[in-house]
């Protein structure tokens, strides 16, 4: 009888911990939204030095902007 209650308490604690971990992951990912526009991605790549200004201008012309 007593072991039954101990097992229930332990399982409840494990379930609560798993729920807390899942909620924490959702909250962390919610604040980090990826850029949705391809031109925004190109701007970030230009800032990082991954592409040149010429490549950025070419991509911008392709977008019609």
Protein backbone atom coordinates (compact mmCIF):
# COMPACT_ATOMS: atom_id res chain seq x y z
CA UNK A 1 0.00 0.00 0.00
CA UNK A 2 2.71 2.48 0.95
CA UNK A 3 4.88 1.52 -2.00
CA UNK A 4 1.94 2.24 -4.29
CA UNK A 5 1.80 5.84 -3.08
CA UNK A 6 5.56 6.25 -3.40
CA UNK A 7 5.46 5.01 -7.00
CA UNK A 8 2.60 7.41 -7.81
CA UNK A 9 4.50 10.34 -6.30
CA UNK A 10 7.67 9.46 -8.19
CA UNK A 11 5.77 9.12 -11.49
CA UNK A 12 4.00 12.42 -10.85
CA UNK A 13 7.32 14.16 -10.27
CA UNK A 14 8.78 12.67 -13.46
CA UNK A 15 5.75 13.78 -15.48
CA UNK A 16 5.97 17.31 -14.06
CA UNK A 17 9.65 17.51 -14.91
CA UNK A 18 9.00 16.38 -18.49
CA UNK A 19 6.21 18.95 -18.86
CA UNK A 20 8.46 21.70 -17.52
CA UNK A 21 11.23 20.76 -19.97
CA UNK A 22 8.81 20.80 -22.91
CA UNK A 23 7.37 24.18 -21.90
CA UNK A 24 10.85 25.62 -21.43
CA UNK A 25 11.89 24.56 -24.94
CA UNK A 26 8.79 26.13 -26.47
CA UNK A 27 9.41 29.41 -24.63
CA UNK A 28 13.07 29.54 -25.71
CA UNK A 29 12.25 28.92 -29.39
CA UNK A 30 9.36 31.37 -29.38
CA UNK A 31 11.60 34.40 -28.96
CA UNK A 32 13.85 33.47 -31.88
CA UNK A 33 11.93 33.94 -35.10
CA UNK A 34 13.89 33.29 -38.25
CA UNK A 35 13.80 35.93 -40.96
CA UNK A 36 10.94 35.16 -43.29
CA UNK A 37 11.97 37.28 -46.24
CA UNK A 38 14.80 36.11 -48.48
CA UNK A 39 16.04 39.69 -48.81
CA UNK A 40 16.34 39.92 -45.01
CA UNK A 41 18.43 36.75 -45.07
CA UNK A 42 20.66 38.27 -47.75
CA UNK A 43 21.05 41.47 -45.68
CA UNK A 44 22.19 39.44 -42.68
CA UNK A 45 24.65 37.51 -44.85
CA UNK A 46 25.98 40.81 -46.22
CA UNK A 47 26.47 42.13 -42.67
CA UNK A 48 28.35 38.98 -41.69
CA UNK A 49 30.56 39.24 -44.76
CA UNK A 50 29.35 35.96 -46.27
CA UNK A 51 28.38 37.67 -49.55
CA UNK A 52 29.58 40.78 -51.37
CA UNK A 53 27.64 43.96 -52.05
CA UNK A 54 27.50 42.96 -55.72
CA UNK A 55 25.83 39.64 -54.87
CA UNK A 56 23.37 41.42 -52.60
CA UNK A 57 22.47 43.95 -55.31
CA UNK A 58 21.98 41.11 -57.81
CA UNK A 59 19.61 39.31 -55.42
CA UNK A 60 17.78 42.56 -54.80
CA UNK A 61 17.29 43.12 -58.54
CA UNK A 62 15.97 39.58 -58.93
CA UNK A 63 13.36 40.35 -56.29
CA UNK A 64 12.31 43.45 -58.20
CA UNK A 65 13.18 45.90 -55.44
